[in-house]
Amino acid sequence: MMGFRRKIDVIRPTAGTYNDDGEWVDGTSETINVYASIQPLNADERAQYSTLAPEGASEYRAIKLYSNVPLIPAHQSTADTAMVEGDIVQWLGRQYRVVLCEEWQSNIISHYHMVAWEVDTHESGNTEVSP
């Protein structure tokens, strides 16, 4: 049963790599479709998830999503891993980068709960999370 879920477009970036000459080659991206329920974060949720937001993100929109399909959250790189940009949700003419994906598997209404912050697409056409 889909209920309140609607079909949304999600941009899934792939990781870049270094070529044989040691030069960085940007990754590509693909667009996938997911059925999800999307709602804005309320004030309590914004405060709860503020540590996941980029600096200054209180001025930008944030959404929560519920879906049967997990989306890939952004995370910082470490010495052992490359930077993962995270999936970008396209919703109502805006783009939001997923920063949290929690598995809520209760065997009654199992789903994934995700949080995404608005992405700044105004500078150079990039998709950096707005400062």
C-alpha atoms as a PDB file:
ATOM      1  CA  MET A   1       0.000   0.000   0.000  1.00  0.00           C
ATOM      2  CA  MET A   2       1.408   3.399  -0.979  1.00  0.00           C
ATOM      3  CA  GLY A   3      -0.860   5.578   1.224  1.00  0.00           C
ATOM      4  CA  PHE A   4       0.439   9.147   1.185  1.00  0.00           C
ATOM      5  CA  ARG A   5       3.615   8.296  -0.675  1.00  0.00           C
ATOM      6  CA  ARG A   6       4.299   9.977  -3.995  1.00  0.00           C
ATOM      7  CA  LYS A   7       6.840   9.288  -6.715  1.00  0.00           C
ATOM      8  CA  ILE A   8       9.894  11.552  -6.353  1.00  0.00           C
ATOM      9  CA  ASP A   9      13.131  11.948  -8.300  1.00  0.00           C
ATOM     10  CA  VAL A  10      16.374  11.275  -6.449  1.00  0.00           C
ATOM     11  CA  ILE A  11      19.795  12.151  -7.863  1.00  0.00           C
ATOM     12  CA  ARG A  12      22.358   9.567  -6.753  1.00  0.00           C
ATOM     13  CA  PRO A  13      25.956  10.796  -7.225  1.00  0.00           C
ATOM     14  CA  THR A  14      28.724   8.269  -7.719  1.00  0.00           C
ATOM     15  CA  ALA A  15      32.120   8.708  -6.125  1.00  0.00           C
ATOM     16  CA  GLY A  16      34.973  10.258  -8.078  1.00  0.00           C
ATOM     17  CA  THR A  17      38.310   8.499  -8.479  1.00  0.00           C
ATOM     18  CA  TYR A  18      41.916   9.189  -9.356  1.00  0.00           C
ATOM     19  CA  ASN A  19      42.979   8.064 -12.822  1.00  0.00           C
ATOM     20  CA  ASP A  20      46.300   6.375 -13.680  1.00  0.00           C
ATOM     21  CA  ASP A  21      47.979   9.806 -13.961  1.00  0.00           C
ATOM     22  CA  GLY A  22      46.912  10.733 -10.436  1.00  0.00           C
ATOM     23  CA  GLU A  23      44.353  13.276 -11.648  1.00  0.00           C
ATOM     24  CA  TRP A  24      40.954  13.504  -9.977  1.00  0.00           C
ATOM     25  CA  VAL A  25      37.990  12.494 -12.138  1.00  0.00           C
ATOM     26  CA  ASP A  26      34.583  13.598 -10.872  1.00  0.00           C
ATOM     27  CA  GLY A  27      31.944  10.954 -10.432  1.00  0.00           C
ATOM     28  CA  THR A  28      28.722  10.920 -12.385  1.00  0.00           C
ATOM     29  CA  SER A  29      25.133  10.713 -11.200  1.00  0.00           C
ATOM     30  CA  GLU A  30      21.974   8.847 -12.015  1.00  0.00           C
ATOM     31  CA  THR A  31      18.351   9.701 -11.344  1.00  0.00           C
ATOM     32  CA  ILE A  32      16.197   7.104  -9.637  1.00  0.00           C
ATOM     33  CA  ASN A  33      12.525   7.190  -8.658  1.00  0.00           C
ATOM     34  CA  VAL A  34      11.349   6.430  -5.134  1.00  0.00           C
ATOM     35  CA  TYR A  35       7.911   6.505  -3.537  1.00  0.00           C
ATOM     36  CA  ALA A  36       8.031   8.541  -0.315  1.00  0.00           C
ATOM     37  CA  SER A  37       5.996  10.696   2.004  1.00  0.00           C
ATOM     38  CA  ILE A  38       7.694  14.089   2.444  1.00  0.00           C
ATOM     39  CA  GLN A  39       6.991  16.654   5.168  1.00  0.00           C
ATOM     40  CA  PRO A  40       8.803  19.710   6.526  1.00  0.00           C
ATOM     41  CA  LEU A  41      10.675  19.378   9.812  1.00  0.00           C
ATOM     42  CA  ASN A  42       8.920  21.007  12.755  1.00  0.00           C
ATOM     43  CA  ALA A  43      10.820  23.274  15.191  1.00  0.00           C
ATOM     44  CA  ASP A  44      11.635  20.442  17.625  1.00  0.00           C
ATOM     45  CA  GLU A  45      12.967  18.244  14.814  1.00  0.00           C
ATOM     46  CA  ARG A  46      15.064  21.117  13.409  1.00  0.00           C
ATOM     47  CA  ALA A  47      16.660  21.480  16.847  1.00  0.00           C
ATOM     48  CA  GLN A  48      17.111  17.703  17.183  1.00  0.00           C
ATOM     49  CA  TYR A  49      18.802  17.309  13.805  1.00  0.00           C
ATOM     50  CA  SER A  50      20.712  20.622  13.781  1.00  0.00           C
ATOM     51  CA  THR A  51      24.023  18.796  14.346  1.00  0.00           C
ATOM     52  CA  LEU A  52      23.513  17.129  10.948  1.00  0.00           C
ATOM     53  CA  ALA A  53      22.981  20.467   9.222  1.00  0.00           C
ATOM     54  CA  PRO A  54      25.724  22.506   7.593  1.00  0.00           C
ATOM     55  CA  GLU A  55      26.704  25.704   9.357  1.00  0.00           C
ATOM     56  CA  GLY A  56      24.032  28.366   8.894  1.00  0.00           C
ATOM     57  CA  ALA A  57      21.444  25.875   7.672  1.00  0.00           C
ATOM     58  CA  SER A  58      18.838  27.247  10.067  1.00  0.00           C
ATOM     59  CA  GLU A  59      18.062  29.743   7.286  1.00  0.00           C
ATOM     60  CA  TYR A  60      17.261  26.909   4.858  1.00  0.00           C
ATOM     61  CA  ARG A  61      14.507  24.360   4.536  1.00  0.00           C
ATOM     62  CA  ALA A  62      14.712  20.808   5.793  1.00  0.00           C
ATOM     63  CA  ILE A  63      12.424  17.853   5.119  1.00  0.00           C
ATOM     64  CA  LYS A  64      11.750  14.406   6.503  1.00  0.00           C
ATOM     65  CA  LEU A  65      10.943  11.475   4.268  1.00  0.00           C
ATOM     66  CA  TYR A  66       9.366   8.081   4.874  1.00  0.00           C
ATOM     67  CA  SER A  67       9.887   5.318   2.326  1.00  0.00           C
ATOM     68  CA  ASN A  68      10.374   1.584   1.873  1.00  0.00           C
ATOM     69  CA  VAL A  69      13.621   2.425   0.048  1.00  0.00           C
ATOM     70  CA  PRO A  70      16.663   3.670   1.989  1.00  0.00           C
ATOM     71  CA  LEU A  71      18.444   6.730   0.589  1.00  0.00           C
ATOM     72  CA  ILE A  72      22.187   7.305   0.959  1.00  0.00           C
ATOM     73  CA  PRO A  73      23.110  10.024   3.465  1.00  0.00           C
ATOM     74  CA  ALA A  74      26.078  12.356   3.031  1.00  0.00           C
ATOM     75  CA  HIS A  75      29.005  11.890   5.384  1.00  0.00           C
ATOM     76  CA  GLN A  76      32.454  13.324   5.789  1.00  0.00           C
ATOM     77  CA  SER A  77      35.459  11.454   4.477  1.00  0.00           C
ATOM     78  CA  THR A  78      37.953   9.824   6.810  1.00  0.00           C
ATOM     79  CA  ALA A  79      41.445   8.478   6.210  1.00  0.00           C
ATOM     80  CA  ASP A  80      39.869   5.158   5.200  1.00  0.00           C
ATOM     81  CA  THR A  81      36.885   6.336   3.156  1.00  0.00           C
ATOM     82  CA  ALA A  82      36.081   8.792   0.407  1.00  0.00           C
ATOM     83  CA  MET A  83      33.567  11.592   0.846  1.00  0.00           C
ATOM     84  CA  VAL A  84      30.044  10.377   0.157  1.00  0.00           C
ATOM     85  CA  GLU A  85      27.956  13.220  -1.243  1.00  0.00           C
ATOM     86  CA  GLY A  86      24.599  11.665  -0.411  1.00  0.00           C
ATOM     87  CA  ASP A  87      21.434  11.384  -2.448  1.00  0.00           C
ATOM     88  CA  ILE A  88      19.661  14.570  -3.545  1.00  0.00           C
ATOM     89  CA  VAL A  89      15.865  14.654  -3.354  1.00  0.00           C
ATOM     90  CA  GLN A  90      14.030  16.894  -5.822  1.00  0.00           C
ATOM     91  CA  TRP A  91      10.841  18.234  -4.266  1.00  0.00           C
ATOM     92  CA  LEU A  92       8.628  21.209  -5.159  1.00  0.00           C
ATOM     93  CA  GLY A  93      11.305  22.853  -7.311  1.00  0.00           C
ATOM     94  CA  ARG A  94      14.047  22.557  -4.679  1.00  0.00           C
ATOM     95  CA  GLN A  95      16.821  20.086  -3.976  1.00  0.00           C
ATOM     96  CA  TYR A  96      17.594  18.529  -0.596  1.00  0.00           C
ATOM     97  CA  ARG A  97      20.661  16.451   0.358  1.00  0.00           C
ATOM     98  CA  VAL A  98      19.956  13.419   2.555  1.00  0.00           C
ATOM     99  CA  VAL A  99      21.923  13.626   5.830  1.00  0.00           C
ATOM    100  CA  LEU A 100      20.255  10.870   7.877  1.00  0.00           C
ATOM    101  CA  CYS A 101      18.691   7.504   7.116  1.00  0.00           C
ATOM    102  CA  GLU A 102      17.272   5.431   9.973  1.00  0.00           C
ATOM    103  CA  GLU A 103      15.862   1.947   9.592  1.00  0.00           C
ATOM    104  CA  TRP A 104      12.524   1.532  11.374  1.00  0.00           C
ATOM    105  CA  GLN A 105      11.792  -2.157  10.871  1.00  0.00           C
ATOM    106  CA  SER A 106       8.979  -3.105  13.254  1.00  0.00           C
ATOM    107  CA  ASN A 107       7.431  -5.904  11.147  1.00  0.00           C
ATOM    108  CA  ILE A 108       4.160  -3.941  11.356  1.00  0.00           C
ATOM    109  CA  ILE A 109       4.786  -0.887   9.153  1.00  0.00           C
ATOM    110  CA  SER A 110       8.477  -1.215   8.337  1.00  0.00           C
ATOM    111  CA  HIS A 111      10.081   1.780   6.620  1.00  0.00           C
ATOM    112  CA  TYR A 112      13.048   4.146   6.515  1.00  0.00           C
ATOM    113  CA  HIS A 113      13.003   7.619   8.092  1.00  0.00           C
ATOM    114  CA  MET A 114      15.279  10.164   6.399  1.00  0.00           C
ATOM    115  CA  VAL A 115      16.195  13.818   6.922  1.00  0.00           C
ATOM    116  CA  ALA A 116      17.455  16.116   4.157  1.00  0.00           C
ATOM    117  CA  TRP A 117      18.602  19.776   4.128  1.00  0.00           C
ATOM    118  CA  GLU A 118      18.133  22.208   1.267  1.00  0.00           C
ATOM    119  CA  VAL A 119      20.929  22.364  -1.300  1.00  0.00           C
ATOM    120  CA  ASP A 120      22.263  25.624  -2.754  1.00  0.00           C
ATOM    121  CA  THR A 121      22.142  25.352  -6.557  1.00  0.00           C
ATOM    122  CA  HIS A 122      22.580  29.049  -7.353  1.00  0.00           C
ATOM    123  CA  GLU A 123      26.375  29.203  -7.489  1.00  0.00           C
ATOM    124  CA  SER A 124      28.001  27.695 -10.575  1.00  0.00           C
ATOM    125  CA  GLY A 125      25.247  25.126 -10.906  1.00  0.00           C
ATOM    126  CA  ASN A 126      26.775  22.995  -8.148  1.00  0.00           C
ATOM    127  CA  THR A 127      24.867  21.193  -5.443  1.00  0.00           C
ATOM    128  CA  GLU A 128      26.706  22.211  -2.295  1.00  0.00           C
ATOM    129  CA  VAL A 129      24.681  22.316   0.890  1.00  0.00           C
ATOM    130  CA  SER A 130      23.979  25.967   1.630  1.00  0.00           C
ATOM    131  CA  PRO A 131      26.144  27.570   4.306  1.00  0.00           C
END
